[in-house]
């Protein structure tokens, strides 16, 4: 079932999110994805998550891929 998403006003935070999506994001009919490095971008990923919470009044999910051992 689809979540209800708040439609934010046009402002600097929304512009920041659009830039994030253009650089690191992807959109499908069912989801929005932002791909970041969990080690080098950890603080930034928390910033992006909180930005999404403020803008869209949702709690985004965060997933981490397991590293493959060689």
PDB file of N, CA and C in Angstrom:
ATOM      1  N   UNK A   1       0.841  -1.176   0.000  1.00  0.00           N
ATOM      2  CA  UNK A   1       0.000   0.000   0.000  1.00  0.00           C
ATOM      3  C   UNK A   1       0.891   1.245   0.000  1.00  0.00           C
ATOM      4  N   UNK A   2       0.561   2.207  -0.823  1.00  0.00           N
ATOM      5  CA  UNK A   2       1.355   3.428  -0.942  1.00  0.00           C
ATOM      6  C   UNK A   2       1.169   4.311   0.292  1.00  0.00           C
ATOM      7  N   UNK A   3       2.266   4.961   0.687  1.00  0.00           N
ATOM      8  CA  UNK A   3       2.202   5.908   1.805  1.00  0.00           C
ATOM      9  C   UNK A   3       1.679   7.246   1.303  1.00  0.00           C
ATOM     10  N   UNK A   4       1.017   7.963   2.191  1.00  0.00           N
ATOM     11  CA  UNK A   4       0.624   9.314   1.855  1.00  0.00           C
ATOM     12  C   UNK A   4       1.832  10.227   2.047  1.00  0.00           C
ATOM     13  N   UNK A   5       2.102  11.061   1.075  1.00  0.00           N
ATOM     14  CA  UNK A   5       3.278  11.929   1.097  1.00  0.00           C
ATOM     15  C   UNK A   5       2.826  13.382   1.137  1.00  0.00           C
ATOM     16  N   UNK A   6       3.380  14.142   2.066  1.00  0.00           N
ATOM     17  CA  UNK A   6       3.116  15.574   2.176  1.00  0.00           C
ATOM     18  C   UNK A   6       3.786  16.282   1.003  1.00  0.00           C
ATOM     19  N   UNK A   7       3.093  17.235   0.414  1.00  0.00           N
ATOM     20  CA  UNK A   7       3.648  18.009  -0.697  1.00  0.00           C
ATOM     21  C   UNK A   7       4.222  19.315  -0.145  1.00  0.00           C
ATOM     22  N   UNK A   8       5.556  19.438  -0.092  1.00  0.00           N
ATOM     23  CA  UNK A   8       6.164  20.621   0.522  1.00  0.00           C
ATOM     24  C   UNK A   8       6.070  21.854  -0.369  1.00  0.00           C
ATOM     25  N   UNK A   9       6.207  23.019   0.281  1.00  0.00           N
ATOM     26  CA  UNK A   9       6.268  24.261  -0.467  1.00  0.00           C
ATOM     27  C   UNK A   9       7.636  24.383  -1.134  1.00  0.00           C
ATOM     28  N   UNK A  10       7.691  25.172  -2.171  1.00  0.00           N
ATOM     29  CA  UNK A  10       8.969  25.426  -2.827  1.00  0.00           C
ATOM     30  C   UNK A  10       9.815  26.294  -1.902  1.00  0.00           C
ATOM     31  N   UNK A  11      11.001  25.784  -1.541  1.00  0.00           N
ATOM     32  CA  UNK A  11      11.911  26.518  -0.669  1.00  0.00           C
ATOM     33  C   UNK A  11      13.327  25.977  -0.862  1.00  0.00           C
ATOM     34  N   UNK A  12      14.266  26.482  -0.084  1.00  0.00           N
ATOM     35  CA  UNK A  12      15.665  26.066  -0.235  1.00  0.00           C
ATOM     36  C   UNK A  12      15.866  24.590   0.080  1.00  0.00           C
ATOM     37  N   UNK A  13      15.132  24.075   1.068  1.00  0.00           N
ATOM     38  CA  UNK A  13      15.286  22.655   1.402  1.00  0.00           C
ATOM     39  C   UNK A  13      14.804  21.761   0.266  1.00  0.00           C
ATOM     40  N   UNK A  14      13.706  22.126  -0.363  1.00  0.00           N
ATOM     41  CA  UNK A  14      13.216  21.344  -1.500  1.00  0.00           C
ATOM     42  C   UNK A  14      14.214  21.413  -2.649  1.00  0.00           C
ATOM     43  N   UNK A  15      14.791  22.582  -2.882  1.00  0.00           N
ATOM     44  CA  UNK A  15      15.813  22.729  -3.928  1.00  0.00           C
ATOM     45  C   UNK A  15      17.020  21.841  -3.617  1.00  0.00           C
ATOM     46  N   UNK A  16      17.416  21.774  -2.347  1.00  0.00           N
ATOM     47  CA  UNK A  16      18.521  20.899  -1.931  1.00  0.00           C
ATOM     48  C   UNK A  16      18.182  19.441  -2.235  1.00  0.00           C
ATOM     49  N   UNK A  17      16.949  19.035  -1.931  1.00  0.00           N
ATOM     50  CA  UNK A  17      16.532  17.654  -2.188  1.00  0.00           C
ATOM     51  C   UNK A  17      16.526  17.345  -3.683  1.00  0.00           C
ATOM     52  N   UNK A  18      16.052  18.278  -4.492  1.00  0.00           N
ATOM     53  CA  UNK A  18      16.049  18.073  -5.952  1.00  0.00           C
ATOM     54  C   UNK A  18      17.484  17.879  -6.445  1.00  0.00           C
ATOM     55  N   UNK A  19      18.414  18.653  -5.923  1.00  0.00           N
ATOM     56  CA  UNK A  19      19.820  18.489  -6.292  1.00  0.00           C
ATOM     57  C   UNK A  19      20.362  17.134  -5.887  1.00  0.00           C
ATOM     58  N   UNK A  20      19.983  16.670  -4.694  1.00  0.00           N
ATOM     59  CA  UNK A  20      20.402  15.335  -4.236  1.00  0.00           C
ATOM     60  C   UNK A  20      19.868  14.269  -5.183  1.00  0.00           C
ATOM     61  N   UNK A  21      18.604  14.407  -5.567  1.00  0.00           N
ATOM     62  CA  UNK A  21      17.998  13.414  -6.460  1.00  0.00           C
ATOM     63  C   UNK A  21      18.665  13.420  -7.832  1.00  0.00           C
ATOM     64  N   UNK A  22      19.009  14.599  -8.327  1.00  0.00           N
ATOM     65  CA  UNK A  22      19.677  14.671  -9.631  1.00  0.00           C
ATOM     66  C   UNK A  22      21.065  14.038  -9.575  1.00  0.00           C
ATOM     67  N   UNK A  23      21.747  14.190  -8.453  1.00  0.00           N
ATOM     68  CA  UNK A  23      23.102  13.664  -8.347  1.00  0.00           C
ATOM     69  C   UNK A  23      23.196  12.219  -7.902  1.00  0.00           C
ATOM     70  N   UNK A  24      22.399  11.839  -6.902  1.00  0.00           N
ATOM     71  CA  UNK A  24      22.537  10.515  -6.280  1.00  0.00           C
ATOM     72  C   UNK A  24      21.240   9.728  -6.239  1.00  0.00           C
ATOM     73  N   UNK A  25      20.199  10.223  -6.874  1.00  0.00           N
ATOM     74  CA  UNK A  25      18.889   9.611  -6.709  1.00  0.00           C
ATOM     75  C   UNK A  25      18.353   8.900  -7.919  1.00  0.00           C
ATOM     76  N   UNK A  26      17.210   8.289  -7.686  1.00  0.00           N
ATOM     77  CA  UNK A  26      16.463   7.610  -8.733  1.00  0.00           C
ATOM     78  C   UNK A  26      15.003   7.540  -8.314  1.00  0.00           C
ATOM     79  N   UNK A  27      14.097   7.597  -9.269  1.00  0.00           N
ATOM     80  CA  UNK A  27      12.668   7.578  -8.980  1.00  0.00           C
ATOM     81  C   UNK A  27      12.005   6.535  -9.868  1.00  0.00           C
ATOM     82  N   UNK A  28      11.160   5.700  -9.253  1.00  0.00           N
ATOM     83  CA  UNK A  28      10.315   4.771  -9.994  1.00  0.00           C
ATOM     84  C   UNK A  28       8.862   5.102  -9.641  1.00  0.00           C
ATOM     85  N   UNK A  29       7.935   4.324 -10.167  1.00  0.00           N
ATOM     86  CA  UNK A  29       6.526   4.552  -9.837  1.00  0.00           C
ATOM     87  C   UNK A  29       6.249   4.281  -8.356  1.00  0.00           C
ATOM     88  N   UNK A  30       7.074   3.450  -7.731  1.00  0.00           N
ATOM     89  CA  UNK A  30       6.806   3.035  -6.367  1.00  0.00           C
ATOM     90  C   UNK A  30       7.777   3.544  -5.317  1.00  0.00           C
ATOM     91  N   UNK A  31       8.911   4.090  -5.727  1.00  0.00           N
ATOM     92  CA  UNK A  31       9.881   4.490  -4.714  1.00  0.00           C
ATOM     93  C   UNK A  31      10.842   5.563  -5.204  1.00  0.00           C
ATOM     94  N   UNK A  32      11.451   6.188  -4.219  1.00  0.00           N
ATOM     95  CA  UNK A  32      12.525   7.149  -4.442  1.00  0.00           C
ATOM     96  C   UNK A  32      13.754   6.567  -3.767  1.00  0.00           C
ATOM     97  N   UNK A  33      14.875   6.552  -4.473  1.00  0.00           N
ATOM     98  CA  UNK A  33      16.097   5.955  -3.939  1.00  0.00           C
ATOM     99  C   UNK A  33      17.224   6.973  -4.010  1.00  0.00           C
ATOM    100  N   UNK A  34      17.970   7.076  -2.921  1.00  0.00           N
ATOM    101  CA  UNK A  34      19.196   7.869  -2.894  1.00  0.00           C
ATOM    102  C   UNK A  34      20.305   6.905  -2.512  1.00  0.00           C
ATOM    103  N   UNK A  35      21.301   6.768  -3.360  1.00  0.00           N
ATOM    104  CA  UNK A  35      22.395   5.829  -3.119  1.00  0.00           C
ATOM    105  C   UNK A  35      23.629   6.582  -2.653  1.00  0.00           C
ATOM    106  N   UNK A  36      24.089   6.225  -1.454  1.00  0.00           N
ATOM    107  CA  UNK A  36      25.270   6.851  -0.873  1.00  0.00           C
ATOM    108  C   UNK A  36      26.177   5.776  -0.307  1.00  0.00           C
ATOM    109  N   UNK A  37      27.429   6.117  -0.078  1.00  0.00           N
ATOM    110  CA  UNK A  37      28.383   5.190   0.515  1.00  0.00           C
ATOM    111  C   UNK A  37      28.184   5.189   2.032  1.00  0.00           C
ATOM    112  N   UNK A  38      27.885   4.033   2.634  1.00  0.00           N
ATOM    113  CA  UNK A  38      27.600   4.007   4.072  1.00  0.00           C
ATOM    114  C   UNK A  38      28.798   4.340   4.956  1.00  0.00           C
ATOM    115  N   UNK A  39      30.001   4.227   4.428  1.00  0.00           N
ATOM    116  CA  UNK A  39      31.186   4.553   5.226  1.00  0.00           C
ATOM    117  C   UNK A  39      31.584   6.016   5.052  1.00  0.00           C
ATOM    118  N   UNK A  40      31.793   6.426   3.821  1.00  0.00           N
ATOM    119  CA  UNK A  40      32.299   7.778   3.575  1.00  0.00           C
ATOM    120  C   UNK A  40      31.204   8.845   3.620  1.00  0.00           C
ATOM    121  N   UNK A  41      29.944   8.457   3.443  1.00  0.00           N
ATOM    122  CA  UNK A  41      28.837   9.412   3.417  1.00  0.00           C
ATOM    123  C   UNK A  41      27.880   9.240   4.597  1.00  0.00           C
ATOM    124  N   UNK A  42      28.348   8.643   5.694  1.00  0.00           N
ATOM    125  CA  UNK A  42      27.448   8.336   6.804  1.00  0.00           C
ATOM    126  C   UNK A  42      26.749   9.582   7.350  1.00  0.00           C
ATOM    127  N   UNK A  43      27.502  10.627   7.674  1.00  0.00           N
ATOM    128  CA  UNK A  43      26.893  11.848   8.213  1.00  0.00           C
ATOM    129  C   UNK A  43      25.958  12.478   7.181  1.00  0.00           C
ATOM    130  N   UNK A  44      26.356  12.463   5.920  1.00  0.00           N
ATOM    131  CA  UNK A  44      25.534  13.036   4.862  1.00  0.00           C
ATOM    132  C   UNK A  44      24.246  12.238   4.678  1.00  0.00           C
ATOM    133  N   UNK A  45      24.322  10.912   4.805  1.00  0.00           N
ATOM    134  CA  UNK A  45      23.119  10.090   4.656  1.00  0.00           C
ATOM    135  C   UNK A  45      22.109  10.395   5.761  1.00  0.00           C
ATOM    136  N   UNK A  46      22.591  10.684   6.970  1.00  0.00           N
ATOM    137  CA  UNK A  46      21.701  11.072   8.059  1.00  0.00           C
ATOM    138  C   UNK A  46      21.070  12.423   7.759  1.00  0.00           C
ATOM    139  N   UNK A  47      21.848  13.355   7.209  1.00  0.00           N
ATOM    140  CA  UNK A  47      21.320  14.657   6.790  1.00  0.00           C
ATOM    141  C   UNK A  47      20.211  14.478   5.755  1.00  0.00           C
ATOM    142  N   UNK A  48      20.439  13.628   4.759  1.00  0.00           N
ATOM    143  CA  UNK A  48      19.451  13.407   3.694  1.00  0.00           C
ATOM    144  C   UNK A  48      18.186  12.796   4.271  1.00  0.00           C
ATOM    145  N   UNK A  49      18.339  11.835   5.170  1.00  0.00           N
ATOM    146  CA  UNK A  49      17.173  11.195   5.793  1.00  0.00           C
ATOM    147  C   UNK A  49      16.346  12.225   6.565  1.00  0.00           C
ATOM    148  N   UNK A  50      16.990  13.059   7.355  1.00  0.00           N
ATOM    149  CA  UNK A  50      16.276  14.069   8.129  1.00  0.00           C
ATOM    150  C   UNK A  50      15.627  15.115   7.222  1.00  0.00           C
ATOM    151  N   UNK A  51      16.297  15.454   6.131  1.00  0.00           N
ATOM    152  CA  UNK A  51      15.732  16.384   5.159  1.00  0.00           C
ATOM    153  C   UNK A  51      14.438  15.810   4.571  1.00  0.00           C
ATOM    154  N   UNK A  52      14.448  14.546   4.212  1.00  0.00           N
ATOM    155  CA  UNK A  52      13.256  13.892   3.669  1.00  0.00           C
ATOM    156  C   UNK A  52      12.137  13.856   4.700  1.00  0.00           C
ATOM    157  N   UNK A  53      12.491  13.611   5.958  1.00  0.00           N
ATOM    158  CA  UNK A  53      11.482  13.598   7.020  1.00  0.00           C
ATOM    159  C   UNK A  53      10.814  14.967   7.149  1.00  0.00           C
ATOM    160  N   UNK A  54      11.621  16.026   7.146  1.00  0.00           N
ATOM    161  CA  UNK A  54      11.074  17.376   7.264  1.00  0.00           C
ATOM    162  C   UNK A  54      10.222  17.753   6.055  1.00  0.00           C
ATOM    163  N   UNK A  55      10.718  17.454   4.867  1.00  0.00           N
ATOM    164  CA  UNK A  55      10.015  17.866   3.657  1.00  0.00           C
ATOM    165  C   UNK A  55       8.717  17.106   3.431  1.00  0.00           C
ATOM    166  N   UNK A  56       8.761  15.795   3.571  1.00  0.00           N
ATOM    167  CA  UNK A  56       7.647  14.956   3.131  1.00  0.00           C
ATOM    168  C   UNK A  56       6.851  14.317   4.264  1.00  0.00           C
ATOM    169  N   UNK A  57       7.256  14.604   5.520  1.00  0.00           N
ATOM    170  CA  UNK A  57       6.545  14.081   6.698  1.00  0.00           C
ATOM    171  C   UNK A  57       6.446  12.554   6.667  1.00  0.00           C
ATOM    172  N   UNK A  58       7.567  11.908   6.311  1.00  0.00           N
ATOM    173  CA  UNK A  58       7.636  10.447   6.266  1.00  0.00           C
ATOM    174  C   UNK A  58       8.879   9.989   7.019  1.00  0.00           C
ATOM    175  N   UNK A  59       8.956   8.705   7.276  1.00  0.00           N
ATOM    176  CA  UNK A  59      10.154   8.116   7.871  1.00  0.00           C
ATOM    177  C   UNK A  59      10.790   7.228   6.800  1.00  0.00           C
ATOM    178  N   UNK A  60      11.828   7.729   6.134  1.00  0.00           N
ATOM    179  CA  UNK A  60      12.467   6.939   5.077  1.00  0.00           C
ATOM    180  C   UNK A  60      13.165   5.703   5.646  1.00  0.00           C
ATOM    181  N   UNK A  61      13.223   4.669   4.852  1.00  0.00           N
ATOM    182  CA  UNK A  61      13.962   3.463   5.221  1.00  0.00           C
ATOM    183  C   UNK A  61      15.394   3.595   4.736  1.00  0.00           C
ATOM    184  N   UNK A  62      16.308   3.013   5.500  1.00  0.00           N
ATOM    185  CA  UNK A  62      17.719   2.997   5.093  1.00  0.00           C
ATOM    186  C   UNK A  62      18.167   1.540   5.028  1.00  0.00           C
ATOM    187  N   UNK A  63      18.801   1.193   3.931  1.00  0.00           N
ATOM    188  CA  UNK A  63      19.294  -0.159   3.737  1.00  0.00           C
ATOM    189  C   UNK A  63      20.787  -0.124   3.454  1.00  0.00           C
ATOM    190  N   UNK A  64      21.487  -1.101   3.978  1.00  0.00           N
ATOM    191  CA  UNK A  64      22.925  -1.203   3.776  1.00  0.00           C
ATOM    192  C   UNK A  64      23.225  -2.549   3.146  1.00  0.00           C
ATOM    193  N   UNK A  65      23.982  -2.529   2.049  1.00  0.00           N
ATOM    194  CA  UNK A  65      24.398  -3.790   1.428  1.00  0.00           C
ATOM    195  C   UNK A  65      25.565  -4.350   2.201  1.00  0.00           C
ATOM    196  N   UNK A  66      25.571  -5.649   2.350  1.00  0.00           N
ATOM    197  CA  UNK A  66      26.709  -6.300   2.989  1.00  0.00           C
ATOM    198  C   UNK A  66      27.886  -6.286   2.028  1.00  0.00           C
ATOM    199  N   UNK A  67      29.066  -6.058   2.581  1.00  0.00           N
ATOM    200  CA  UNK A  67      30.266  -6.108   1.763  1.00  0.00           C
ATOM    201  C   UNK A  67      30.605  -7.563   1.466  1.00  0.00           C
ATOM    202  N   UNK A  68      31.000  -7.816   0.251  1.00  0.00           N
ATOM    203  CA  UNK A  68      31.421  -9.167  -0.116  1.00  0.00           C
ATOM    204  C   UNK A  68      32.863  -9.346   0.298  1.00  0.00           C
ATOM    205  N   UNK A  69      33.164 -10.455   0.949  1.00  0.00           N
ATOM    206  CA  UNK A  69      34.568 -10.726   1.301  1.00  0.00           C
ATOM    207  C   UNK A  69      35.249 -11.436   0.153  1.00  0.00           C
ATOM    208  N   UNK A  70      36.468 -11.036  -0.105  1.00  0.00           N
ATOM    209  CA  UNK A  70      37.188 -11.616  -1.254  1.00  0.00           C
ATOM    210  C   UNK A  70      38.212 -12.612  -0.813  1.00  0.00           C
TER     211      UNK A  70
END
